[in-house]
N, C-alpha and C. Protein backbone atom coordinates (compact mmCIF):
# COMPACT_ATOMS: atom_id res chain seq x y z
N MET A 1 1.12 -1.31 -0.31
CA MET A 1 0.00 -0.01 0.31
C MET A 1 0.87 1.01 0.13
N GLN A 2 2.03 1.41 0.90
CA GLN A 2 2.80 2.43 0.70
C GLN A 2 3.57 3.02 -0.53
N HIS A 3 3.53 1.43 -1.03
CA HIS A 3 4.16 1.85 -2.45
C HIS A 3 3.67 2.26 -3.54
N ASP A 4 2.39 1.93 -3.94
CA ASP A 4 1.30 2.43 -4.02
C ASP A 4 0.65 3.74 -4.08
N ILE A 5 0.68 4.85 -2.62
CA ILE A 5 0.82 5.54 -2.46
C ILE A 5 1.94 6.57 -2.81
N ALA A 6 3.19 5.82 -2.68
CA ALA A 6 4.28 7.01 -3.36
C ALA A 6 4.19 6.95 -4.80
N GLU A 7 3.86 5.53 -5.66
CA GLU A 7 3.50 6.23 -7.11
C GLU A 7 2.44 7.14 -7.16
N LEU A 8 1.32 7.03 -6.42
CA LEU A 8 0.03 8.02 -6.58
C LEU A 8 0.78 9.36 -6.24
N ARG A 9 1.43 9.72 -5.58
CA ARG A 9 2.33 11.31 -4.96
C ARG A 9 3.40 11.54 -6.95
N ARG A 10 3.49 10.45 -7.03
CA ARG A 10 4.79 10.90 -8.23
C ARG A 10 3.57 11.23 -9.09
N GLU A 11 2.85 10.33 -9.65
CA GLU A 11 1.85 10.85 -10.64
C GLU A 11 1.33 12.31 -10.55
N LEU A 12 0.71 12.61 -9.53
CA LEU A 12 0.08 13.69 -9.08
C LEU A 12 1.07 14.78 -9.58
N VAL A 13 2.21 14.64 -8.73
CA VAL A 13 3.68 15.78 -9.04
C VAL A 13 3.62 15.74 -10.42
N GLU A 14 3.78 14.88 -11.35
CA GLU A 14 4.49 14.94 -12.81
C GLU A 14 3.17 15.77 -13.29
N ILE A 15 1.65 15.18 -13.24
CA ILE A 15 1.12 16.00 -13.67
C ILE A 15 0.29 16.99 -13.52
N SER A 16 0.71 17.57 -12.06
CA SER A 16 0.55 19.32 -11.86
C SER A 16 1.86 19.76 -12.82
N HIS A 17 3.26 19.26 -12.43
CA HIS A 17 3.88 20.02 -13.16
C HIS A 17 3.76 20.09 -14.49
N ARG A 18 3.22 19.75 -15.07
CA ARG A 18 2.98 19.45 -16.77
C ARG A 18 1.26 20.37 -16.49
N ALA A 19 0.68 20.88 -16.12
CA ALA A 19 -0.19 21.53 -16.25
C ALA A 19 -0.15 22.87 -16.15
N TYR A 20 1.38 22.92 -15.45
CA TYR A 20 1.69 24.26 -14.96
C TYR A 20 2.70 24.84 -16.30
N GLU A 21 2.90 24.22 -17.03
CA GLU A 21 4.11 24.10 -18.06
C GLU A 21 3.21 24.16 -19.33
N ARG A 22 1.97 23.66 -19.29
CA ARG A 22 0.79 23.13 -20.48
C ARG A 22 0.48 25.40 -20.57
N GLY A 23 0.69 26.06 -19.03
CA GLY A 23 0.00 27.32 -19.61
C GLY A 23 -1.59 27.28 -18.79
N LEU A 24 -1.84 26.04 -18.30
CA LEU A 24 -3.31 26.00 -17.74
C LEU A 24 -3.76 26.39 -16.65
N VAL A 25 -2.45 27.06 -15.16
CA VAL A 25 -2.65 27.46 -14.25
C VAL A 25 -1.19 28.23 -13.46
N ALA A 26 -1.82 29.09 -13.38
CA ALA A 26 -1.11 30.13 -12.82
C ALA A 26 -0.22 30.44 -11.18
N GLY A 27 0.72 31.02 -10.82
CA GLY A 27 0.91 31.23 -9.56
C GLY A 27 0.69 29.56 -8.64
N ILE A 28 0.23 30.14 -7.42
CA ILE A 28 -0.08 29.05 -6.59
C ILE A 28 -1.93 28.50 -6.89
N SER A 29 -1.75 28.72 -7.69
CA SER A 29 -3.62 28.83 -8.31
C SER A 29 -3.66 27.12 -8.14
N GLY A 30 -4.57 26.49 -8.06
CA GLY A 30 -5.39 25.03 -8.64
C GLY A 30 -5.23 23.90 -8.04
N ASN A 31 -5.76 22.79 -8.04
CA ASN A 31 -5.32 21.74 -6.86
C ASN A 31 -5.63 20.52 -8.17
N ASN A 32 -4.80 19.38 -7.77
CA ASN A 32 -5.61 18.12 -8.37
C ASN A 32 -5.51 17.41 -6.95
N SER A 33 -5.91 16.36 -7.51
CA SER A 33 -5.94 15.09 -6.85
C SER A 33 -5.99 13.87 -7.41
N VAL A 34 -6.14 12.78 -6.71
CA VAL A 34 -6.22 11.30 -7.25
C VAL A 34 -6.58 10.52 -6.18
N ARG A 35 -7.68 9.97 -6.34
CA ARG A 35 -8.17 8.58 -5.55
C ARG A 35 -6.91 7.77 -5.13
N VAL A 36 -7.01 6.93 -3.54
CA VAL A 36 -6.13 5.73 -3.19
C VAL A 36 -6.83 4.54 -3.24
N PRO A 37 -6.41 3.57 -4.54
CA PRO A 37 -7.42 2.55 -4.19
C PRO A 37 -7.04 1.55 -3.12
N GLY A 38 -8.61 1.12 -2.80
CA GLY A 38 -8.61 0.22 -1.49
C GLY A 38 -8.66 0.79 -0.30
N ARG A 39 -8.91 2.09 -0.57
CA ARG A 39 -8.59 2.85 0.61
C ARG A 39 -9.86 4.11 0.68
N ASP A 40 -10.61 4.89 1.55
CA ASP A 40 -11.36 5.70 1.68
C ASP A 40 -10.62 6.60 1.74
N ALA A 41 -10.16 7.32 0.94
CA ALA A 41 -8.83 8.57 0.78
C ALA A 41 -8.18 8.87 -0.38
N ALA A 42 -7.80 10.18 -0.30
CA ALA A 42 -7.13 10.62 -1.95
C ALA A 42 -5.92 11.14 -1.63
N LEU A 43 -5.15 11.23 -2.38
CA LEU A 43 -4.13 12.44 -2.07
C LEU A 43 -4.65 14.09 -2.85
N ILE A 44 -3.84 14.64 -2.08
CA ILE A 44 -4.47 16.42 -2.88
C ILE A 44 -3.11 17.21 -2.40
N LYS A 45 -3.12 18.06 -3.55
CA LYS A 45 -1.86 19.43 -3.16
C LYS A 45 -2.07 19.83 -1.87
N VAL A 46 -0.92 20.43 -1.54
CA VAL A 46 -1.16 21.23 -0.44
C VAL A 46 -1.32 22.51 -0.22
N THR A 47 -1.95 23.22 0.27
CA THR A 47 -2.27 25.27 -0.08
C THR A 47 -1.20 25.65 0.47
N GLY A 48 -1.07 26.45 -1.00
CA GLY A 48 -0.22 27.73 -0.74
C GLY A 48 1.17 27.35 -1.47
N ALA A 49 1.22 25.54 -2.26
CA ALA A 49 2.18 25.00 -3.15
C ALA A 49 1.51 25.61 -4.51
N CYS A 50 2.97 25.65 -5.76
CA CYS A 50 2.64 25.82 -6.94
C CYS A 50 2.94 24.75 -7.57
N GLN A 51 1.84 24.69 -8.68
CA GLN A 51 1.92 23.55 -9.58
C GLN A 51 3.00 23.01 -10.71
N GLY A 52 3.78 24.49 -10.74
CA GLY A 52 5.14 23.85 -10.98
C GLY A 52 5.84 24.02 -10.26
N ASP A 53 6.42 24.05 -9.20
CA ASP A 53 7.21 23.63 -8.15
C ASP A 53 7.33 22.37 -7.12
N MET A 54 6.25 21.67 -7.52
CA MET A 54 5.56 20.59 -6.31
C MET A 54 6.58 19.85 -6.36
N THR A 55 6.53 19.32 -5.21
CA THR A 55 7.47 17.68 -4.68
C THR A 55 6.30 17.07 -3.87
N GLU A 56 7.09 15.65 -4.12
CA GLU A 56 6.17 14.89 -3.22
C GLU A 56 5.98 15.21 -1.98
N ASP A 57 6.41 16.19 -1.00
CA ASP A 57 6.14 16.73 0.01
C ASP A 57 4.89 17.98 -0.11
N ASP A 58 4.58 18.45 -0.98
CA ASP A 58 3.37 19.11 -1.43
C ASP A 58 2.26 18.40 -1.88
N THR A 59 2.44 16.97 -1.39
CA THR A 59 0.97 16.36 -0.99
C THR A 59 0.71 15.71 0.19
N VAL A 60 -0.48 15.69 0.62
CA VAL A 60 -0.90 15.22 1.29
C VAL A 60 -2.25 14.04 1.32
N LEU A 61 -2.11 12.92 2.10
CA LEU A 61 -3.17 12.04 2.29
C LEU A 61 -4.06 12.92 2.86
N VAL A 62 -5.44 12.56 2.39
CA VAL A 62 -6.94 13.03 3.05
C VAL A 62 -7.79 11.74 3.20
N GLY A 63 -8.68 11.65 4.02
CA GLY A 63 -9.77 10.44 4.34
C GLY A 63 -11.00 11.68 3.58
N LEU A 64 -11.80 10.32 2.75
CA LEU A 64 -13.27 10.96 1.82
C LEU A 64 -14.08 11.51 3.32
N ASP A 65 -13.95 11.39 4.39
CA ASP A 65 -14.71 12.19 5.17
C ASP A 65 -14.01 13.64 5.75
N GLY A 66 -12.88 13.80 4.86
CA GLY A 66 -12.12 14.83 5.51
C GLY A 66 -11.17 15.30 6.37
N SER A 67 -10.71 14.03 6.93
CA SER A 67 -9.95 14.05 7.90
C SER A 67 -8.62 13.85 7.32
N VAL A 68 -7.76 15.02 7.99
CA VAL A 68 -5.67 15.00 7.26
C VAL A 68 -5.49 13.96 8.29
N LEU A 69 -4.88 13.30 7.50
CA LEU A 69 -4.47 11.05 7.53
C LEU A 69 -2.83 11.67 7.91
N GLU A 70 -1.88 13.24 7.46
CA GLU A 70 -0.42 13.17 7.74
C GLU A 70 -0.44 14.18 8.65
N ASP A 71 -0.17 14.13 9.65
CA ASP A 71 0.73 15.37 10.26
C ASP A 71 1.55 16.47 9.79
N GLY A 72 0.84 18.05 10.07
CA GLY A 72 2.09 19.07 9.43
C GLY A 72 1.87 19.61 7.78
N ARG A 73 0.47 18.67 7.47
CA ARG A 73 0.37 19.60 6.14
C ARG A 73 -0.66 19.80 5.97
N ALA A 74 -1.63 20.45 5.30
CA ALA A 74 -2.78 21.15 5.26
C ALA A 74 -3.00 20.97 3.35
N PRO A 75 -4.56 20.27 3.40
CA PRO A 75 -4.63 20.41 2.09
C PRO A 75 -5.32 21.57 1.15
N SER A 76 -5.45 21.82 -0.03
CA SER A 76 -6.09 22.95 -0.64
C SER A 76 -7.17 23.17 0.10
N LYS A 77 -7.75 24.13 0.38
CA LYS A 77 -8.85 24.86 0.46
C LYS A 77 -10.16 24.08 -0.13
N GLU A 78 -10.06 23.76 -1.50
CA GLU A 78 -10.56 23.03 -2.30
C GLU A 78 -11.17 21.74 -1.66
N VAL A 79 -10.47 21.41 -0.78
CA VAL A 79 -10.30 19.65 -1.07
C VAL A 79 -12.07 19.40 -0.50
N ARG A 80 -13.08 20.09 0.10
CA ARG A 80 -14.38 19.76 0.19
C ARG A 80 -15.15 19.25 -1.21
N TRP A 81 -14.80 20.00 -1.83
CA TRP A 81 -15.35 19.40 -3.38
C TRP A 81 -14.80 18.54 -3.73
N HIS A 82 -13.59 18.14 -3.86
CA HIS A 82 -12.51 16.73 -4.43
C HIS A 82 -13.86 15.89 -3.75
N LEU A 83 -13.34 15.68 -2.61
CA LEU A 83 -13.94 14.64 -1.68
C LEU A 83 -15.42 13.85 -1.79
N ALA A 84 -16.14 15.55 -1.79
CA ALA A 84 -17.66 15.37 -2.18
C ALA A 84 -17.63 14.53 -3.83
N ILE A 85 -17.24 14.96 -4.51
CA ILE A 85 -17.06 14.11 -6.11
C ILE A 85 -16.37 12.61 -5.85
N TYR A 86 -15.59 12.14 -5.32
CA TYR A 86 -15.41 11.07 -4.69
C TYR A 86 -16.06 10.22 -4.15
N ARG A 87 -16.46 10.48 -3.04
CA ARG A 87 -18.34 9.81 -2.46
C ARG A 87 -19.20 10.02 -3.50
N ALA A 88 -19.46 10.63 -4.53
CA ALA A 88 -20.64 10.58 -5.00
C ALA A 88 -20.52 9.83 -6.35
N ASN A 89 -18.80 9.61 -6.91
CA ASN A 89 -19.03 8.55 -7.85
C ASN A 89 -17.82 8.03 -7.80
N PRO A 90 -18.05 6.61 -7.50
CA PRO A 90 -16.81 5.31 -7.28
C PRO A 90 -16.08 5.51 -8.25
N ALA A 91 -16.79 6.08 -9.88
CA ALA A 91 -15.86 5.51 -11.21
C ALA A 91 -14.47 7.12 -11.45
N VAL A 92 -15.09 7.64 -10.68
CA VAL A 92 -13.90 9.15 -10.79
C VAL A 92 -12.61 8.81 -9.62
N ASN A 93 -11.44 8.39 -10.23
CA ASN A 93 -10.14 8.35 -9.40
C ASN A 93 -9.02 9.21 -9.57
N GLY A 94 -9.51 10.21 -10.34
CA GLY A 94 -8.71 11.61 -10.45
C GLY A 94 -9.36 13.00 -10.90
N ILE A 95 -8.97 13.83 -10.00
CA ILE A 95 -9.33 15.26 -10.41
C ILE A 95 -8.50 16.62 -10.55
N VAL A 96 -9.08 17.23 -11.94
CA VAL A 96 -8.40 18.02 -11.88
C VAL A 96 -8.83 19.79 -11.96
N HIS A 97 -7.98 20.51 -11.19
CA HIS A 97 -8.66 21.81 -11.26
C HIS A 97 -7.80 23.36 -11.11
N VAL A 98 -7.86 23.64 -12.63
CA VAL A 98 -6.85 24.71 -13.09
C VAL A 98 -7.59 25.91 -13.44
N HIS A 99 -6.83 27.05 -14.08
CA HIS A 99 -6.77 28.28 -14.44
C HIS A 99 -7.04 28.71 -15.88
N PRO A 100 -7.48 27.98 -16.61
CA PRO A 100 -6.57 27.88 -17.95
C PRO A 100 -7.49 29.30 -18.46
N PRO A 101 -6.60 30.21 -19.35
CA PRO A 101 -6.68 31.33 -19.63
C PRO A 101 -8.35 31.64 -20.23
N HIS A 102 -8.45 30.84 -21.69
CA HIS A 102 -9.69 30.96 -22.24
C HIS A 102 -10.72 30.11 -21.86
N ALA A 103 -10.81 29.41 -21.42
CA ALA A 103 -11.64 28.55 -20.95
C ALA A 103 -12.34 28.97 -19.45
N THR A 104 -11.14 29.98 -18.88
CA THR A 104 -11.73 31.18 -17.48
C THR A 104 -12.50 32.50 -17.45
N ALA A 105 -12.10 32.68 -19.30
CA ALA A 105 -12.59 34.16 -19.79
C ALA A 105 -14.31 33.29 -20.06
N TRP A 106 -14.59 32.19 -20.71
CA TRP A 106 -15.80 31.92 -20.68
C TRP A 106 -16.63 32.05 -19.13
N ALA A 107 -15.83 31.56 -18.57
CA ALA A 107 -16.27 31.27 -17.03
C ALA A 107 -16.72 32.56 -16.42
N VAL A 108 -15.77 33.43 -16.67
CA VAL A 108 -16.05 34.86 -15.98
C VAL A 108 -17.37 35.51 -16.79
N ALA A 109 -17.23 35.28 -17.91
CA ALA A 109 -18.61 35.71 -19.12
C ALA A 109 -19.72 35.06 -18.24
N GLY A 110 -19.75 34.17 -18.22
CA GLY A 110 -20.53 33.41 -17.54
C GLY A 110 -21.60 32.00 -18.77
N ARG A 111 -20.89 31.76 -19.55
CA ARG A 111 -21.42 31.08 -20.52
C ARG A 111 -20.28 29.92 -20.46
N VAL A 112 -20.90 29.16 -21.47
CA VAL A 112 -20.20 27.88 -21.72
C VAL A 112 -19.83 27.64 -23.10
N PRO A 113 -17.92 27.36 -23.30
CA PRO A 113 -18.18 27.19 -25.01
C PRO A 113 -18.35 26.40 -25.59
N PRO A 114 -18.78 26.59 -27.32
CA PRO A 114 -19.43 25.72 -27.06
C PRO A 114 -18.30 24.26 -28.29
N LEU A 115 -18.82 23.14 -28.36
CA LEU A 115 -17.89 22.11 -28.59
C LEU A 115 -17.51 22.14 -29.65
N ILE A 116 -16.64 23.06 -30.45
CA ILE A 116 -16.14 23.54 -31.51
C ILE A 116 -15.97 22.72 -32.93
N HIS A 117 -15.15 21.56 -32.11
CA HIS A 117 -14.64 20.90 -32.99
C HIS A 117 -14.97 19.40 -32.58
N THR A 118 -14.62 18.15 -33.99
CA THR A 118 -15.43 16.80 -33.21
C THR A 118 -14.34 16.51 -32.01
N ALA A 119 -13.30 16.62 -31.84
CA ALA A 119 -12.57 16.15 -30.52
C ALA A 119 -12.84 16.61 -29.46
N ALA A 120 -13.88 17.80 -29.40
CA ALA A 120 -14.44 17.80 -28.26
C ALA A 120 -15.27 16.94 -28.03
N ARG A 121 -16.26 17.42 -29.18
CA ARG A 121 -17.79 16.61 -29.04
C ARG A 121 -17.57 15.01 -28.68
N GLY A 122 -16.74 14.45 -28.89
CA GLY A 122 -16.82 12.92 -28.90
C GLY A 122 -16.05 12.96 -27.57
N ILE A 123 -15.07 13.40 -27.11
CA ILE A 123 -14.55 13.10 -25.79
C ILE A 123 -15.52 13.95 -24.66
N LEU A 124 -15.54 14.98 -24.54
CA LEU A 124 -16.17 15.89 -23.64
C LEU A 124 -17.78 15.99 -23.66
N LYS A 125 -18.16 16.30 -24.77
CA LYS A 125 -19.54 15.55 -25.18
C LYS A 125 -20.69 16.99 -23.99
N ARG A 126 -20.33 17.52 -23.04
CA ARG A 126 -20.93 18.14 -22.38
C ARG A 126 -19.84 18.86 -21.53
N ILE A 127 -20.68 20.25 -21.70
CA ILE A 127 -19.66 21.22 -20.27
C ILE A 127 -20.59 21.67 -19.90
N ALA A 128 -20.74 21.25 -18.24
CA ALA A 128 -21.25 22.00 -17.45
C ALA A 128 -20.61 23.73 -16.49
N LEU A 129 -21.51 24.48 -16.17
CA LEU A 129 -21.66 25.54 -15.34
C LEU A 129 -21.81 25.66 -14.26
N VAL A 130 -20.60 25.91 -13.07
CA VAL A 130 -20.81 25.99 -11.53
C VAL A 130 -21.12 27.24 -11.49
N ASP A 131 -21.99 28.04 -10.50
CA ASP A 131 -22.49 29.16 -10.41
C ASP A 131 -21.28 29.34 -9.44
N LEU A 132 -21.39 31.20 -8.84
CA LEU A 132 -20.23 31.43 -8.27
C LEU A 132 -20.45 31.36 -6.49
N ALA A 133 -19.46 30.78 -5.98
CA ALA A 133 -19.67 30.41 -4.59
C ALA A 133 -18.12 30.88 -4.45
N PRO A 134 -17.79 31.66 -3.13
CA PRO A 134 -16.27 31.60 -2.79
C PRO A 134 -15.54 30.37 -2.29
N SER A 135 -14.62 30.86 -2.67
CA SER A 135 -13.51 29.32 -3.11
C SER A 135 -13.56 29.11 -1.69
N GLY A 136 -13.47 27.21 -1.60
CA GLY A 136 -13.17 26.43 -0.46
C GLY A 136 -14.20 26.49 0.56
N SER A 137 -15.43 27.24 0.01
CA SER A 137 -16.44 27.24 1.05
C SER A 137 -17.47 26.35 0.67
N GLU A 138 -18.68 25.56 1.83
CA GLU A 138 -19.45 24.59 1.82
C GLU A 138 -20.11 24.85 0.56
N ARG A 139 -21.11 26.03 0.19
CA ARG A 139 -21.58 26.17 -1.20
C ARG A 139 -21.10 25.72 -2.12
N LEU A 140 -19.92 26.31 -2.50
CA LEU A 140 -19.10 25.66 -3.67
C LEU A 140 -18.93 23.90 -3.81
N ALA A 141 -18.80 23.69 -3.12
CA ALA A 141 -18.71 22.28 -2.54
C ALA A 141 -19.90 21.64 -2.65
N GLU A 142 -21.35 21.99 -2.52
CA GLU A 142 -22.96 21.70 -2.68
C GLU A 142 -22.39 21.60 -4.39
N LEU A 143 -22.27 23.06 -4.56
CA LEU A 143 -22.65 23.00 -6.08
C LEU A 143 -21.75 22.06 -6.96
N VAL A 144 -20.72 22.04 -6.56
CA VAL A 144 -20.03 21.25 -7.63
C VAL A 144 -19.81 19.58 -7.24
N ALA A 145 -20.30 19.16 -6.43
CA ALA A 145 -21.32 17.49 -6.36
C ALA A 145 -22.71 17.98 -7.02
N GLU A 146 -23.11 18.71 -6.85
CA GLU A 146 -24.44 18.52 -7.34
C GLU A 146 -24.30 18.36 -9.14
N ALA A 147 -23.36 18.94 -9.44
CA ALA A 147 -23.23 18.88 -11.10
C ALA A 147 -22.56 17.75 -11.51
N PHE A 148 -21.34 17.41 -10.61
CA PHE A 148 -20.93 15.51 -10.97
C PHE A 148 -21.99 14.95 -10.75
N ALA A 149 -22.98 14.88 -9.96
CA ALA A 149 -24.06 14.17 -9.66
C ALA A 149 -24.18 13.14 -11.11
N ASP A 150 -24.11 14.02 -12.36
CA ASP A 150 -24.20 13.10 -13.41
C ASP A 150 -23.14 12.36 -13.88
N PRO A 151 -23.38 10.68 -13.58
CA PRO A 151 -21.51 10.11 -14.02
C PRO A 151 -21.36 10.59 -15.38
N ASP A 152 -22.15 10.86 -16.51
CA ASP A 152 -21.72 11.50 -17.90
C ASP A 152 -21.07 12.59 -17.83
N LEU A 153 -20.51 13.27 -16.72
CA LEU A 153 -19.96 14.59 -16.74
C LEU A 153 -18.41 14.49 -16.63
N THR A 154 -17.78 15.02 -17.63
CA THR A 154 -16.74 15.10 -17.25
C THR A 154 -15.82 16.28 -16.90
N VAL A 155 -16.15 17.25 -17.48
CA VAL A 155 -15.61 18.76 -17.15
C VAL A 155 -17.00 20.31 -16.68
N ALA A 156 -16.47 20.87 -16.01
CA ALA A 156 -17.36 22.56 -15.89
C ALA A 156 -16.36 22.96 -15.35
N LEU A 157 -17.02 24.00 -15.80
CA LEU A 157 -16.62 25.68 -15.00
C LEU A 157 -17.15 26.00 -14.08
N LEU A 158 -15.94 26.65 -13.11
CA LEU A 158 -16.56 27.39 -12.23
C LEU A 158 -16.32 28.78 -12.43
N ARG A 159 -17.64 29.53 -12.20
CA ARG A 159 -17.93 30.67 -12.56
C ARG A 159 -16.88 31.91 -12.18
N GLU A 160 -16.17 32.86 -12.87
CA GLU A 160 -15.88 34.02 -12.45
C GLU A 160 -14.39 33.07 -11.74
N HIS A 161 -14.13 31.72 -11.84
CA HIS A 161 -12.92 30.69 -11.35
C HIS A 161 -12.34 30.08 -12.16
N GLY A 162 -12.67 29.18 -12.40
CA GLY A 162 -11.26 27.98 -13.47
C GLY A 162 -12.18 26.84 -13.56
N THR A 163 -11.32 25.62 -14.45
CA THR A 163 -12.36 24.58 -14.10
C THR A 163 -11.73 23.11 -13.02
N VAL A 164 -12.58 22.30 -13.53
CA VAL A 164 -13.23 21.24 -13.49
C VAL A 164 -13.20 19.89 -14.10
N SER A 165 -12.21 19.41 -13.77
CA SER A 165 -12.30 18.04 -15.07
C SER A 165 -12.15 16.36 -13.95
N VAL A 166 -12.51 15.86 -14.37
CA VAL A 166 -13.06 14.36 -13.79
C VAL A 166 -12.09 13.45 -14.40
N GLY A 167 -11.51 11.68 -14.29
CA GLY A 167 -11.19 11.23 -14.91
C GLY A 167 -11.47 10.06 -14.44
N PRO A 168 -11.14 8.45 -14.77
CA PRO A 168 -10.94 7.55 -14.31
C PRO A 168 -9.64 7.40 -13.95
N ASP A 169 -8.94 8.22 -14.10
CA ASP A 169 -7.55 8.29 -13.74
C ASP A 169 -7.14 9.95 -13.81
N LEU A 170 -5.79 10.14 -12.87
CA LEU A 170 -5.60 11.29 -13.17
C LEU A 170 -5.06 11.68 -14.76
N ARG A 171 -4.44 11.19 -15.06
CA ARG A 171 -4.07 11.41 -16.39
C ARG A 171 -5.03 11.50 -17.78
N THR A 172 -6.23 10.95 -17.33
CA THR A 172 -7.52 11.17 -18.38
C THR A 172 -8.14 12.44 -18.27
N ALA A 173 -8.17 12.82 -16.51
CA ALA A 173 -8.79 13.93 -16.09
C ALA A 173 -8.54 15.11 -16.44
N TYR A 174 -6.76 15.43 -16.52
CA TYR A 174 -5.73 16.18 -17.25
C TYR A 174 -6.07 16.24 -18.35
N TYR A 175 -6.36 15.24 -19.64
CA TYR A 175 -6.95 15.68 -21.09
C TYR A 175 -7.64 16.12 -21.13
N HIS A 176 -8.47 15.70 -20.57
CA HIS A 176 -10.24 16.64 -19.94
C HIS A 176 -9.91 18.02 -20.38
N ALA A 177 -8.88 18.27 -19.11
CA ALA A 177 -9.03 19.80 -18.80
C ALA A 177 -7.90 20.38 -20.00
N ASP A 178 -6.79 19.69 -20.85
CA ASP A 178 -6.86 20.10 -21.94
C ASP A 178 -7.62 20.55 -23.13
N TYR A 179 -8.50 19.55 -23.27
CA TYR A 179 -9.41 19.48 -24.27
C TYR A 179 -10.80 20.70 -23.96
N LEU A 180 -10.87 20.54 -22.70
CA LEU A 180 -11.75 21.82 -22.39
C LEU A 180 -11.13 23.25 -22.80
N GLU A 181 -9.93 23.54 -22.74
CA GLU A 181 -9.01 24.54 -22.73
C GLU A 181 -9.23 24.93 -24.44
N ASP A 182 -8.76 23.84 -25.13
CA ASP A 182 -8.97 23.39 -26.42
C ASP A 182 -9.92 24.24 -27.24
N THR A 183 -10.86 23.78 -26.57
CA THR A 183 -12.26 23.67 -27.14
C THR A 183 -12.60 25.48 -26.83
N ALA A 184 -12.41 25.56 -25.90
CA ALA A 184 -12.07 27.16 -25.39
C ALA A 184 -11.48 28.55 -26.13
N LYS A 185 -10.67 27.83 -26.77
CA LYS A 185 -9.44 28.47 -27.31
C LYS A 185 -10.28 28.90 -28.86
N VAL A 186 -10.14 27.41 -29.19
CA VAL A 186 -10.71 27.42 -30.52
C VAL A 186 -11.98 28.34 -30.97
N ALA A 187 -12.96 28.23 -30.08
CA ALA A 187 -13.89 28.88 -30.26
C ALA A 187 -14.13 30.52 -30.33
N LEU A 188 -13.51 31.02 -29.60
CA LEU A 188 -12.52 32.41 -29.45
C LEU A 188 -12.23 32.81 -30.83
N LEU A 189 -11.11 31.41 -31.56
CA LEU A 189 -10.36 32.18 -32.90
C LEU A 189 -11.21 32.19 -33.57
N ALA A 190 -12.91 31.43 -33.36
CA ALA A 190 -13.61 30.70 -34.60
C ALA A 190 -14.32 32.02 -34.90
N ALA A 191 -14.65 32.63 -33.75
CA ALA A 191 -15.60 34.22 -33.82
C ALA A 191 -14.88 35.12 -34.39
N GLN A 192 -13.19 34.97 -34.15
CA GLN A 192 -12.66 36.24 -34.87
C GLN A 192 -12.47 35.94 -36.43
N VAL A 193 -12.52 34.41 -36.72
CA VAL A 193 -12.83 34.32 -38.44
C VAL A 193 -13.54 34.66 -38.95
N GLU A 194 -15.38 34.75 -37.92
CA GLU A 194 -16.35 34.85 -38.24
C GLU A 194 -16.17 36.28 -38.44
N ALA A 195 -15.69 37.12 -37.53
CA ALA A 195 -16.14 38.38 -37.48
C ALA A 195 -15.35 39.05 -38.51
N ALA A 196 -14.29 38.27 -38.97
CA ALA A 196 -13.17 38.98 -40.61
C ALA A 196 -13.98 38.60 -41.46
N ASP A 197 -15.27 37.67 -41.58
CA ASP A 197 -15.82 37.38 -42.85
C ASP A 197 -16.55 38.66 -43.60
N GLY A 198 -15.67 38.21 -44.60
CA GLY A 198 -16.44 39.55 -46.13
C GLY A 198 -15.78 40.77 -45.48
N TYR A 199 -14.80 41.28 -44.72
CA TYR A 199 -14.34 42.12 -44.61
C TYR A 199 -12.48 41.73 -45.34
N ALA A 200 -11.93 40.66 -44.99
CA ALA A 200 -10.86 40.66 -45.45
C ALA A 200 -10.77 39.25 -45.94
N ASP A 201 -9.92 38.62 -47.28
CA ASP A 201 -10.04 37.63 -47.65
C ASP A 201 -7.93 37.26 -47.52
N PHE A 202 -7.71 36.23 -47.41
CA PHE A 202 -6.46 36.10 -47.34
C PHE A 202 -5.86 35.11 -48.37
N VAL A 203 -5.02 35.41 -49.58
CA VAL A 203 -4.76 34.86 -50.58
C VAL A 203 -3.50 34.91 -50.83
N SER A 204 -3.00 33.80 -50.84
CA SER A 204 -1.18 33.51 -51.30
C SER A 204 -0.88 33.71 -52.61
N VAL A 205 0.32 34.51 -52.29
CA VAL A 205 0.71 35.23 -53.53
C VAL A 205 2.42 35.02 -53.60
N GLY A 206 2.88 34.05 -54.75
CA GLY A 206 4.15 33.05 -54.27
C GLY A 206 4.03 32.55 -52.93
N ASP A 207 5.44 32.92 -52.26
CA ASP A 207 5.36 32.11 -51.41
C ASP A 207 4.80 33.16 -50.00
N ARG A 208 4.03 34.20 -50.32
CA ARG A 208 3.61 35.01 -48.89
C ARG A 208 2.00 35.15 -48.98
N VAL A 209 1.74 35.88 -48.31
CA VAL A 209 0.44 35.09 -48.30
C VAL A 209 0.22 37.46 -48.07
N GLU A 210 -0.74 37.83 -48.38
CA GLU A 210 -1.61 38.98 -48.66
C GLU A 210 -2.90 39.34 -48.02
N VAL A 211 -3.27 40.32 -47.64
CA VAL A 211 -4.67 40.35 -47.33
C VAL A 211 -5.36 41.57 -48.72
N ALA A 212 -6.61 40.35 -49.25
CA ALA A 212 -7.24 41.31 -50.62
C ALA A 212 -8.46 41.86 -49.77
N ARG A 213 -8.85 43.68 -49.62
CA ARG A 213 -9.93 43.78 -49.03
C ARG A 213 -10.96 44.10 -50.22
């Protein structure tokens, strides 16, 4: 069991580093977690740690009842809704919470991006929007748990906050977060293309591109 937990700590650090390097989260924001198989417990990032700088010492074991199982480490303040998702859906084994800029822009606007391309439609299928509540609050935990009571939901926007993605393992949850940011970004770029339609055409002239007006 200790070997399994050590492996999960390494995976949690790896995925957190990847999310930071990918530009999905800034500063000390965001928090990812992974369920511990065979135990009513999960590993989550400690409070105040940067995902890009995390080490295995920046993870903490918590019970699904909210108890902290390791002395001297405090979990992220968002631990309530991580645990609520695990309790509600046994099929979820990994959760990624990040603040990617394009998806978060939609969340700030209180809108859900369209599933603009085939990959998003095939993999994500639906995006939920969770209403505004203070970070770390019981109310936010209730709202997130209500959204993810749908076993088919894999991603959600937290209004004016960021994104939540889940999966049967942590790596899949990360991929869902990446696809959500990608469809949010492409939707905004496609809107810019549509706005430019009829105003300018791009034409190839030899080895360069010119704007024909």
